[in-house]
Protein backbone atom coordinates (compact mmCIF):
# COMPACT_ATOMS: atom_id res chain seq x y z
CA MET A 1 133.57 92.59 70.83
CA ASN A 2 130.81 95.13 70.49
CA LYS A 3 129.97 95.16 66.80
CA ASN A 4 127.68 98.16 67.30
CA LYS A 5 130.36 100.44 68.73
CA THR A 6 130.69 103.62 66.70
CA GLY A 7 133.56 105.27 68.58
CA PRO A 8 135.94 104.93 71.45
CA ALA A 9 133.21 105.46 74.06
CA PRO A 10 131.05 102.40 74.82
CA LEU A 11 127.35 102.56 74.05
CA ARG A 12 125.25 103.52 77.07
CA ALA A 13 122.75 100.79 77.97
CA VAL A 14 119.92 100.16 80.42
CA ILE A 15 117.99 97.01 81.30
CA SER A 16 114.20 97.16 81.12
CA SER A 17 112.37 94.32 82.89
CA ARG A 18 108.76 93.62 83.74
CA VAL A 19 106.60 90.75 84.93
CA SER A 20 102.81 90.78 85.03
CA VAL A 21 101.51 87.99 87.22
CA ASP A 22 97.90 87.88 88.39
CA ASP A 23 97.56 84.22 89.23
CA VAL A 24 96.25 85.16 92.67
CA GLY A 25 92.94 86.12 91.08
CA LYS A 26 92.70 82.65 89.56
CA GLY A 27 93.51 80.72 92.74
CA LYS A 28 96.74 79.26 91.35
CA ARG A 29 99.12 80.85 93.84
CA THR A 30 99.01 82.45 97.23
CA ARG A 31 100.12 86.06 97.47
CA ASP A 32 103.43 85.05 99.06
CA GLU A 33 104.06 82.58 96.25
CA GLN A 34 103.18 85.19 93.64
CA THR A 35 105.53 87.79 95.15
CA GLU A 36 108.35 85.28 95.31
CA GLN A 37 107.78 84.20 91.72
CA MET A 38 107.76 87.79 90.45
CA SER A 39 111.02 88.57 92.27
CA ILE A 40 112.69 85.49 90.79
CA SER A 41 111.54 86.39 87.27
CA ILE A 42 112.71 90.01 87.56
CA GLN A 43 116.13 89.04 88.95
CA ALA A 44 116.54 86.47 86.18
CA GLN A 45 115.86 89.17 83.56
CA ILE A 46 118.33 91.56 85.20
CA ASP A 47 121.04 88.89 85.44
CA THR A 48 120.59 87.95 81.77
CA GLY A 49 120.69 91.63 80.80
CA ARG A 50 123.91 92.21 82.74
CA ALA A 51 125.54 89.24 81.03
CA LEU A 52 124.56 90.57 77.61
CA ILE A 53 125.90 94.05 78.45
CA ALA A 54 129.20 92.58 79.60
CA ARG A 55 129.46 90.46 76.45
CA GLU A 56 128.73 93.39 74.14
CA GLU A 57 130.96 95.74 76.17
CA TYR A 58 128.16 98.23 76.71
CA GLN A 59 128.23 100.66 79.63
CA LEU A 60 125.41 100.08 82.16
CA VAL A 61 124.42 103.63 83.10
CA PHE A 62 121.37 103.17 85.32
CA ASP A 63 120.35 100.85 88.15
CA PRO A 64 118.21 98.10 86.54
CA HIS A 65 116.03 97.85 89.66
CA GLU A 66 114.91 101.46 89.08
CA LEU A 67 113.41 100.50 85.71
CA VAL A 68 111.40 97.51 86.96
CA ASP A 69 107.61 97.32 86.66
CA ASP A 70 107.13 94.37 89.00
CA GLY A 71 103.70 92.82 88.70
CA VAL A 72 102.35 95.73 86.62
CA SER A 73 100.27 95.10 83.53
CA GLY A 74 101.71 96.62 80.38
CA TYR A 75 98.33 96.30 78.65
CA LYS A 76 95.91 97.99 81.04
CA GLY A 77 97.54 101.42 80.93
CA ALA A 78 98.27 101.59 84.65
CA ASP A 79 100.84 103.93 86.14
CA ARG A 80 104.25 102.40 85.44
CA LYS A 81 107.06 104.24 87.17
CA GLY A 82 109.74 102.09 85.54
CA PHE A 83 108.40 102.82 82.07
CA ASP A 84 108.14 106.55 82.84
CA LYS A 85 111.79 106.66 83.95
CA LEU A 86 112.82 104.77 80.83
CA MET A 87 111.00 107.31 78.64
CA ARG A 88 112.77 110.19 80.39
CA LEU A 89 116.13 108.53 79.78
CA VAL A 90 115.34 108.08 76.10
CA VAL A 91 113.94 111.59 75.55
CA GLY A 92 116.78 113.14 77.54
CA GLY A 93 119.38 111.54 75.26
CA HIS A 94 121.02 109.65 78.12
CA ILE A 95 121.08 106.14 76.60
CA ASP A 96 121.89 104.39 73.33
CA VAL A 97 120.59 100.85 73.91
CA ILE A 98 117.63 99.29 75.73
CA VAL A 99 118.38 95.70 76.75
CA THR A 100 115.23 93.63 77.32
CA ARG A 101 113.94 90.09 77.04
CA ALA A 102 111.43 91.06 74.36
CA VAL A 103 109.74 94.24 73.19
CA ASP A 104 106.49 93.15 74.82
CA ARG A 105 108.27 93.38 78.19
CA ILE A 106 108.34 97.15 77.68
CA GLY A 107 104.73 97.74 76.64
CA ARG A 108 101.65 95.82 75.57
CA ASN A 109 99.27 98.67 74.76
CA ASP A 110 99.29 100.93 71.73
CA ALA A 111 99.98 104.17 73.64
CA ASP A 112 103.13 102.88 75.37
CA ASN A 113 104.34 101.01 72.29
CA SER A 114 103.99 104.05 70.05
CA ALA A 115 105.60 106.36 72.62
CA ILE A 116 108.72 104.23 73.14
CA ARG A 117 109.06 103.38 69.44
CA ILE A 118 108.83 107.01 68.28
CA ALA A 119 111.07 108.33 71.05
CA ALA A 120 113.70 105.67 70.36
CA ALA A 121 113.71 106.49 66.64
CA GLN A 122 114.02 110.22 67.29
CA HIS A 123 116.90 109.86 69.73
CA GLY A 124 118.80 107.02 68.06
CA VAL A 125 118.09 104.36 70.69
CA ARG A 126 118.02 100.71 69.64
CA PHE A 127 116.63 97.59 71.32
CA HIS A 128 118.93 94.64 72.06
CA LEU A 129 116.93 91.51 72.89
CA PHE A 130 118.12 88.57 74.99
CA ASN A 131 118.07 86.33 71.91
CA GLY A 132 120.75 88.53 70.32
CA SER A 133 118.50 90.47 67.93
CA VAL A 134 119.18 94.19 67.58
CA ILE A 135 116.24 96.34 66.47
CA ASP A 136 116.87 99.90 65.27
CA PRO A 137 113.53 101.73 64.90
CA ARG A 138 115.17 104.22 62.50
CA GLN A 139 115.48 101.46 59.89
CA SER A 140 112.33 100.80 57.86
CA ASN A 141 112.52 96.99 58.13
CA ASP A 142 113.21 97.07 61.86
CA LYS A 143 110.44 99.61 62.39
CA LEU A 144 107.95 97.31 60.63
CA THR A 145 109.17 94.32 62.65
CA LEU A 146 108.78 96.29 65.86
CA GLN A 147 105.24 97.41 64.97
CA ILE A 148 104.15 93.88 64.05
CA THR A 149 105.67 92.34 67.19
CA GLN A 150 104.12 94.94 69.46
CA GLY A 151 100.76 94.62 67.68
CA ILE A 152 100.70 90.85 68.19
CA ALA A 153 101.59 91.25 71.88
CA GLU A 154 98.75 93.74 72.37
CA TYR A 155 96.31 91.42 70.57
CA GLN A 156 97.30 88.51 72.83
CA SER A 157 96.77 90.66 75.92
CA ALA A 158 93.37 91.84 74.67
CA LEU A 159 92.35 88.25 73.93
CA LYS A 160 93.44 87.11 77.40
CA SER A 161 91.58 90.00 79.04
CA GLU A 162 88.42 89.17 77.08
CA THR A 163 88.64 85.52 78.15
CA VAL A 164 88.99 86.48 81.82
CA ARG A 165 85.98 88.82 81.56
CA ASN A 166 83.91 86.04 80.03
CA VAL A 167 84.89 83.62 82.81
CA TYR A 168 83.99 86.14 85.50
CA GLY A 169 80.73 86.91 83.72
CA ALA A 170 79.80 83.24 83.65
CA MET A 171 80.56 82.98 87.38
CA ARG A 172 78.28 85.93 88.09
CA ASP A 173 75.51 84.35 86.02
CA ARG A 174 75.83 81.16 88.10
CA GLY A 175 75.73 83.17 91.33
CA GLU A 176 79.24 82.15 92.33
CA LEU A 177 81.44 84.33 94.55
CA ARG A 178 84.53 85.29 92.57
CA SER A 179 87.36 84.87 95.04
CA GLY A 180 90.80 83.52 94.22
CA HIS A 181 92.16 84.53 97.62
CA LYS A 182 91.06 84.84 101.23
CA VAL A 183 88.35 87.46 101.77
CA PHE A 184 87.35 88.61 105.26
CA GLY A 185 84.10 86.89 106.17
CA TRP A 186 84.46 83.76 104.05
CA GLN A 187 86.69 80.72 104.13
CA TRP A 188 89.37 80.00 101.57
CA LYS A 189 91.78 77.22 100.72
CA LYS A 190 94.11 76.92 97.78
CA ASN A 191 92.63 74.91 94.88
CA GLU A 192 89.23 74.64 96.62
CA PRO A 193 87.16 77.50 95.08
CA LYS A 194 83.83 76.23 96.45
CA LEU A 195 85.10 76.77 99.99
CA SER A 196 85.24 80.51 99.35
CA MET A 197 81.42 80.56 99.24
CA LYS A 198 81.15 79.35 102.85
CA GLU A 199 81.18 81.77 105.77
CA GLU A 200 83.94 82.01 108.36
CA PRO A 201 81.84 82.04 111.57
CA ASP A 202 84.17 84.20 113.70
CA GLU A 203 84.67 86.77 110.94
CA ARG A 204 80.94 86.82 110.15
CA GLU A 205 80.31 87.63 113.81
CA LEU A 206 82.82 90.51 113.64
CA ILE A 207 81.20 91.93 110.52
CA GLN A 208 77.77 91.84 112.13
CA GLU A 209 79.25 93.57 115.19
CA ALA A 210 80.67 96.35 113.01
CA TYR A 211 77.30 96.93 111.30
CA ALA A 212 75.50 97.08 114.65
CA ARG A 213 77.99 99.51 116.20
CA LEU A 214 77.99 101.69 113.09
CA LEU A 215 74.21 102.01 112.94
CA GLY A 216 73.41 101.93 116.69
CA GLU A 217 69.70 102.12 117.61
CA GLY A 218 69.67 99.10 119.94
CA ARG A 219 70.94 96.50 117.47
CA ARG A 220 72.09 93.24 119.02
CA TYR A 221 75.42 91.58 118.24
CA THR A 222 77.72 88.96 119.74
CA VAL A 223 81.34 89.29 120.89
CA ARG A 224 83.13 86.12 121.96
CA GLY A 225 79.86 84.38 122.68
CA LYS A 226 78.41 87.22 124.77
CA SER A 227 75.40 89.20 123.57
CA HIS A 228 75.61 92.99 123.41
CA THR A 229 73.25 95.80 122.43
CA SER A 230 74.49 98.82 120.49
CA GLN A 231 73.63 102.28 121.78
CA ASP A 232 74.58 105.38 119.80
CA SER A 233 76.12 105.09 116.36
CA GLU A 234 79.92 104.74 116.54
CA LYS A 235 82.53 106.14 114.18
CA LEU A 236 84.56 103.77 112.03
CA TYR A 237 87.80 104.85 113.68
CA ALA A 238 86.40 103.90 117.11
CA ILE A 239 85.49 100.41 115.88
CA CYS A 240 88.91 100.01 114.25
CA GLY A 241 90.68 101.12 117.43
CA ASP A 242 88.75 98.59 119.48
CA TRP A 243 89.42 95.78 117.02
CA ASN A 244 93.12 96.57 116.85
CA ALA A 245 93.31 96.63 120.66
CA ARG A 246 91.63 93.21 120.72
CA GLY A 247 94.26 91.86 118.32
CA ILE A 248 91.85 91.46 115.40
CA ARG A 249 93.69 91.70 112.08
CA SER A 250 92.72 91.81 108.40
CA VAL A 251 93.31 88.85 106.10
CA THR A 252 96.77 90.25 105.26
CA GLY A 253 97.71 90.49 108.94
CA LYS A 254 97.49 94.30 109.05
CA GLN A 255 95.75 96.48 111.61
CA TRP A 256 92.36 97.86 110.67
CA GLY A 257 91.96 101.35 109.24
CA THR A 258 88.77 103.23 108.50
CA GLN A 259 89.08 102.76 104.74
CA SER A 260 89.64 99.01 104.93
CA LEU A 261 86.72 98.54 107.34
CA ARG A 262 84.53 100.78 105.19
CA ALA A 263 85.40 98.59 102.19
CA VAL A 264 84.31 95.45 104.02
CA LEU A 265 80.99 96.93 105.14
CA LEU A 266 80.18 98.27 101.66
CA ARG A 267 80.64 94.93 99.88
CA PRO A 268 77.36 94.06 98.11
CA SER A 269 78.25 90.38 98.49
CA ASN A 270 77.66 90.62 102.26
CA ALA A 271 73.92 90.66 101.49
CA LEU A 272 74.12 88.22 98.55
CA TYR A 273 74.10 91.02 95.96
CA ILE A 274 76.28 90.36 92.92
CA ARG A 275 78.88 93.07 92.50
CA LEU A 276 78.73 95.06 89.26
CA GLY A 277 82.28 95.91 88.25
CA ASP A 278 84.83 96.92 90.88
CA GLY A 279 82.88 99.54 92.85
CA TRP A 280 80.03 99.38 95.36
CA ASP A 281 77.23 99.02 92.80
CA TYR A 282 75.49 95.68 92.40
CA ASP A 283 73.73 93.92 89.54
CA ARG A 284 70.02 94.75 89.55
CA THR A 285 69.03 92.18 86.91
CA VAL A 286 65.59 90.71 87.70
CA ASP A 287 65.26 86.94 87.64
CA SER A 288 62.52 86.03 85.14
CA THR A 289 61.37 83.12 87.31
CA THR A 290 61.17 84.72 90.75
CA GLY A 291 60.71 88.35 89.68
CA GLU A 292 63.37 89.38 92.19
CA ILE A 293 66.86 90.79 91.78
CA ARG A 294 69.31 88.01 90.94
CA ARG A 295 71.28 87.05 94.05
CA GLY A 296 74.41 85.09 94.86
CA LYS A 297 74.41 81.51 96.11
CA TRP A 298 77.11 81.92 98.76
CA ASP A 299 76.56 82.22 102.52
CA ARG A 300 74.87 85.45 103.64
CA LEU A 301 76.68 87.64 106.18
CA ILE A 302 74.06 90.36 106.80
CA ASP A 303 70.39 91.02 106.06
CA ASP A 304 69.21 93.37 103.30
CA GLU A 305 67.85 96.10 105.55
CA THR A 306 71.04 96.43 107.61
CA TYR A 307 73.20 96.49 104.50
CA SER A 308 70.97 99.10 102.84
CA GLN A 309 71.10 101.41 105.87
CA ALA A 310 74.87 101.06 106.26
CA ARG A 311 75.41 101.64 102.55
CA ALA A 312 73.34 104.85 102.61
CA LEU A 313 75.26 106.09 105.64
CA LEU A 314 78.75 105.26 104.35
CA LEU A 315 78.13 106.68 100.86
CA SER A 316 76.56 109.89 102.12
CA PRO A 317 78.40 112.97 100.75
CA SER A 318 78.14 114.54 104.21
CA ARG A 319 80.73 112.03 105.46
CA ARG A 320 83.41 113.39 103.13
CA THR A 321 85.49 115.58 105.43
CA ASN A 322 88.87 115.72 103.67
CA PRO A 323 88.92 118.54 101.09
CA GLY A 324 92.48 117.75 100.03
CA ARG A 325 95.48 120.00 99.82
CA ARG A 326 94.76 123.51 98.57
CA THR A 327 97.29 125.04 96.20
CA THR A 328 98.34 128.58 97.13
CA HIS A 329 101.00 129.36 94.50
CA LEU A 330 100.31 130.52 90.96
CA VAL A 331 102.22 127.98 88.85
CA SER A 332 102.74 125.07 91.29
CA GLY A 333 102.15 121.91 89.25
CA ILE A 334 101.80 124.01 86.08
CA ALA A 335 105.40 125.05 85.40
CA ARG A 336 107.55 122.25 83.95
CA CYS A 337 111.16 121.22 84.39
CA GLY A 338 113.17 122.00 81.25
CA LEU A 339 115.26 118.89 81.85
CA CYS A 340 112.64 116.16 82.24
CA ALA A 341 109.25 117.92 81.73
CA SER A 342 108.06 116.92 85.22
CA PRO A 343 105.98 119.50 87.15
CA LEU A 344 107.47 121.95 89.62
CA ARG A 345 105.97 122.09 93.12
CA SER A 346 106.34 124.66 95.87
CA SER A 347 109.06 124.06 98.42
CA SER A 348 111.63 126.11 100.35
CA VAL A 349 115.38 126.23 100.96
CA ASP A 350 117.67 127.93 103.46
CA ASP A 351 118.66 131.43 102.41
CA LYS A 352 121.89 133.27 103.21
CA LYS A 353 120.25 135.14 106.11
CA GLY A 354 119.36 132.00 108.03
CA GLY A 355 115.70 132.01 106.97
CA ARG A 356 113.72 130.03 104.42
CA MET A 357 113.23 131.08 100.81
CA PRO A 358 110.13 129.82 98.92
CA ILE A 359 110.97 128.11 95.61
CA TYR A 360 109.47 125.89 92.94
CA ARG A 361 111.33 122.58 92.61
CA CYS A 362 111.12 119.70 90.13
CA VAL A 363 109.36 116.71 91.66
CA THR A 364 111.75 114.26 89.97
CA LYS A 365 114.52 112.90 92.19
CA MET A 366 116.25 110.90 89.46
CA ASN A 367 119.93 111.71 88.86
CA MET A 368 121.14 111.87 85.28
CA PRO A 369 123.22 108.71 84.76
CA ASP A 370 125.70 110.22 82.30
CA ASP A 371 126.28 113.37 84.34
CA PRO A 372 125.62 113.05 88.09
CA GLY A 373 126.35 116.77 88.45
CA VAL A 374 123.23 117.77 86.50
CA LYS A 375 120.43 118.84 88.83
CA HIS A 376 116.77 119.19 88.09
CA VAL A 377 115.58 122.76 88.03
CA SER A 378 114.29 125.06 90.75
CA ALA A 379 113.23 128.71 90.68
CA ARG A 380 112.30 131.38 93.19
CA ILE A 381 108.53 131.69 93.51
CA GLU A 382 108.05 135.46 93.66
CA PRO A 383 109.87 136.57 90.47
CA LEU A 384 108.51 133.64 88.41
CA ASP A 385 104.93 134.30 89.54
CA ALA A 386 105.37 137.99 88.71
CA ALA A 387 106.59 137.17 85.19
CA VAL A 388 103.66 134.79 84.62
CA ARG A 389 101.24 137.47 85.86
CA ARG A 390 102.66 139.97 83.34
CA ALA A 391 102.26 137.42 80.54
CA VAL A 392 98.59 136.83 81.42
CA ILE A 393 97.87 140.57 81.44
CA ALA A 394 99.68 140.94 78.10
CA ALA A 395 97.40 138.25 76.65
CA PHE A 396 94.33 140.26 77.70
CA VAL A 397 95.73 143.55 76.37
CA PHE A 398 96.92 142.29 73.00
CA GLY A 399 94.79 139.17 72.52
CA PRO A 400 91.83 138.77 70.17
CA LYS A 401 88.22 138.83 71.31
CA ASN A 402 88.00 135.05 71.17
CA LEU A 403 90.52 134.36 73.94
CA PHE A 404 87.95 131.89 75.22
CA SER A 405 85.77 129.54 73.23
CA ASP A 406 82.07 130.46 73.15
CA GLU A 407 81.34 126.77 73.63
CA ALA A 408 83.45 126.44 76.77
CA PRO A 409 81.64 124.94 79.77
CA THR A 410 80.45 127.48 82.29
CA GLN A 411 79.00 125.24 84.96
CA ALA A 412 82.11 124.93 87.11
CA ALA A 413 80.09 123.70 90.09
CA GLU A 414 78.75 120.74 88.10
CA ILE A 415 82.24 119.84 86.91
CA HIS A 416 83.45 120.03 90.52
CA ASP A 417 80.75 117.52 91.46
CA ASP A 418 81.81 115.21 88.62
CA ILE A 419 85.43 115.38 89.79
CA ASP A 420 84.34 114.61 93.35
CA GLY A 421 82.49 111.57 92.03
CA VAL A 422 85.58 110.33 90.20
CA LEU A 423 87.73 110.83 93.31
CA ARG A 424 85.21 108.95 95.46
CA LYS A 425 85.15 106.10 92.96
CA ARG A 426 88.95 105.95 92.95
CA GLN A 427 89.09 105.94 96.74
CA GLU A 428 86.54 103.14 96.84
CA LEU A 429 88.68 101.06 94.49
CA LEU A 430 91.82 101.73 96.53
CA SER A 431 89.93 100.72 99.66
CA LEU A 432 88.89 97.47 98.01
CA VAL A 433 92.49 96.77 97.03
CA ALA A 434 93.73 97.62 100.53
CA GLU A 435 91.31 95.12 102.01
CA ASP A 436 92.12 92.52 99.30
CA VAL A 437 88.48 92.43 98.25
CA VAL A 438 89.64 93.24 94.72
CA SER A 439 93.10 92.38 93.40
CA LEU A 440 95.36 95.17 92.20
CA GLY A 441 95.47 93.56 88.77
CA ASP A 442 91.68 93.72 88.46
CA ALA A 443 91.56 97.33 89.64
CA ARG A 444 94.35 98.75 87.46
CA GLY A 445 92.32 99.13 84.30
CA GLN A 446 89.52 101.02 86.04
CA LEU A 447 92.00 103.15 88.02
CA ALA A 448 93.68 104.18 84.76
CA SER A 449 90.28 104.98 83.23
CA LEU A 450 89.35 107.10 86.26
CA LYS A 451 92.66 108.92 86.06
CA ASN A 452 92.04 109.77 82.41
CA ARG A 453 88.49 110.89 83.20
CA GLU A 454 89.75 113.13 86.00
CA ALA A 455 92.30 114.72 83.64
CA VAL A 456 89.56 115.50 81.09
CA LEU A 457 87.29 116.98 83.76
CA ARG A 458 90.07 119.13 85.20
CA ALA A 459 90.85 120.46 81.72
CA ASP A 460 87.15 121.31 81.30
CA LEU A 461 87.17 122.95 84.73
CA ASP A 462 90.19 125.09 83.82
CA THR A 463 88.48 126.24 80.64
CA ALA A 464 85.20 126.89 82.47
CA MET A 465 86.85 128.90 85.21
CA ALA A 466 88.90 130.84 82.67
CA SER A 467 85.74 131.54 80.66
CA ASP A 468 83.92 132.67 83.78
CA ALA A 469 86.78 135.13 84.27
CA ASP A 470 86.16 136.57 80.81
CA ALA A 471 84.64 139.62 82.48
CA MET A 472 88.10 140.65 83.60
CA ARG A 473 88.90 141.60 80.01
CA LEU A 474 86.90 144.74 80.66
CA SER A 475 85.52 145.12 77.18
CA ASP A 476 84.90 148.81 77.70
CA LEU A 477 88.57 149.39 78.48
CA ARG A 478 89.63 147.32 75.50
CA ALA A 479 87.28 149.30 73.31
CA GLY A 480 88.89 152.47 74.58
CA LEU A 481 92.33 151.02 74.07
CA TRP A 482 91.73 150.03 70.46
CA LYS A 483 89.72 153.06 69.36
CA ALA A 484 90.67 154.80 66.14
CA GLY A 485 93.66 157.08 66.34
CA ARG A 486 96.86 156.96 68.31
CA VAL A 487 96.87 155.39 71.77
CA SER A 488 99.10 156.98 74.38
CA ILE A 489 101.63 154.98 76.36
CA ASP A 490 100.14 156.35 79.58
CA ALA A 491 96.66 155.10 78.62
CA THR A 492 98.01 151.63 77.85
CA ALA A 493 99.85 151.54 81.17
CA GLU A 494 96.64 152.47 82.98
CA TYR A 495 94.71 149.69 81.23
CA LYS A 496 97.40 147.20 82.29
CA ARG A 497 97.19 148.38 85.89
CA GLU A 498 93.41 147.95 85.95
CA LEU A 499 93.61 144.54 84.33
CA GLY A 500 96.28 143.56 86.85
CA ALA A 501 94.10 144.68 89.73
CA ARG A 502 91.18 142.62 88.37
CA PHE A 503 93.47 139.58 87.97
CA ASP A 504 94.76 139.93 91.55
CA SER A 505 91.19 140.10 92.89
CA LEU A 506 90.37 136.62 91.56
CA ASP A 507 90.76 133.60 93.85
CA ILE A 508 93.91 131.52 93.34
CA GLU A 509 92.21 128.64 91.49
CA ARG A 510 90.67 131.02 88.95
CA ARG A 511 94.03 132.69 88.38
CA ARG A 512 95.69 129.29 87.95
CA ALA A 513 92.96 128.28 85.47
CA LEU A 514 93.78 131.37 83.41
CA VAL A 515 97.48 130.54 83.45
CA ARG A 516 96.85 126.97 82.29
CA HIS A 517 94.50 128.16 79.56
CA LEU A 518 96.76 130.91 78.20
CA LEU A 519 100.38 129.88 78.86
CA ASP A 520 103.01 127.16 78.82
CA VAL A 521 105.65 127.74 81.51
CA GLU A 522 109.03 126.01 81.55
CA VAL A 523 112.11 126.56 83.72
CA ARG A 524 115.36 125.64 82.00
CA PRO A 525 118.53 124.39 83.74
CA ARG A 526 121.25 126.90 84.54
CA SER A 527 123.97 127.03 81.92
CA LYS A 528 126.39 129.52 80.42
CA GLY A 529 124.40 132.59 79.40
CA VAL A 530 121.16 131.10 80.75
CA TYR A 531 120.49 132.35 84.26
CA GLY A 532 117.95 134.39 86.22
CA ALA A 533 114.87 135.32 84.20
CA ARG A 534 116.51 133.94 81.04
CA ARG A 535 115.74 130.47 82.37
CA TRP A 536 112.00 131.08 82.24
CA LYS A 537 110.38 130.05 78.97
CA ILE A 538 106.83 131.43 78.95
CA LEU A 539 104.93 130.68 75.74
CA HIS A 540 101.45 131.93 74.85
CA LYS A 541 99.07 129.18 73.72
CA VAL A 542 96.23 131.45 72.57
CA VAL A 543 97.84 134.79 71.66
CA THR A 544 100.67 133.19 69.71
CA SER A 545 101.72 136.48 68.13
CA LEU A 546 103.24 137.46 71.50
CA ASN A 547 105.73 134.58 71.24
CA ALA A 548 107.63 136.43 68.54
């Protein structure tokens, strides 16, 4: 019987499972073996959790496979969709018990551990471990136990990570090619790491062909034993198309794409340079004996000059042609769902007249397990944007002189360049992962760091753009508005109209920066007495007196 039952309704439970396996990077398993092992471990955790739930007569209210972080490190702070869904279930008050093998299966870094521990205490959620222990974070003793257990798990992960870094550092110092799996251009065999330093002749020939065709200018290369001479420089997509037509595949058996080929050609190791970190930079340490840059001891695939020219071409900012999606709506990605706090994005639905009506819609597709009828929020774009516009103008009319910090950055162009650099770095990492040059486990930590850096830069950009728009306050109008004596309603209305016209004349990104700087926007679910504009919760972050 369920000893924890507090009423006639069974306690609502979910199963949280995770496995973090990165043995591929150490040469212990092939990728197929790793995937199989992870699947077995996850299924074993789910089966054990189901048995515990049946024994305790809990009610399983969410698909366990939706809360899995399969092969994702809990320590490195990577994106964990399973953990994010679990947090939404806890904060939303949809569960009573988290069933898991151990608390370190949920998180192994301080941010995740603190978040789940605090949320569980606030919403009365307890942890039921496979060994039968029940931990209630609302109880002082259990809270201490939870903190100590999570702290030890994080320490063990940090120690393991430090050991791995030291091993990789020693390999770099010895000039060894760090490769626990097959890399295009070199040989590989399980449990024979020295083989990974020897070239694969056919693949080396293909790489040299790609360099020659990319750079052109009469470079010679060989295809299937026949000598060829490159003419004009070719695009990456043309080389990929030719390779795919010839049946040439990557080490994972996939067709070639421009990003994966770009990743191969940018590898410093092709020219015996020792990679520095996970990007395209290489170690420029000078050998005290030879006076030259320290080089690797594996087989060379390309000469220094060819690599240098290709690197300069491929990393040239002029080759960046994809500007990304441009936002055209005022609060897309800014307004939040009142049910799960996820952002709302622009979309459209059929209207009653047979046309399409533009709306904002929550990006979350998750159904609420305890009430399948509950839907995540949506709102019509035009009336919500109009309400947000009025709130921004009100902030300018009634706000203090220091709406914007005097120390706010004003060099938006420089911040844009920094963001572009972060995005390029992230794309380079993803390209390396796609080509299997770098394992996903190795890249996760840096990807998380880049994501955090991008968030900081975008916040600085919002503040900078909002500060640049400070001129729209029209200090002369404000001075006239707040002059001594009574101010007429007509005069105030005129000031609002002029401020509104100045706001509308700004480009969309500057207007959105102002909204993010001044307001919090939330759309609440429809309920009795809460409909239409009553669902919009617009709070002022700077002019807080307007919230009253």
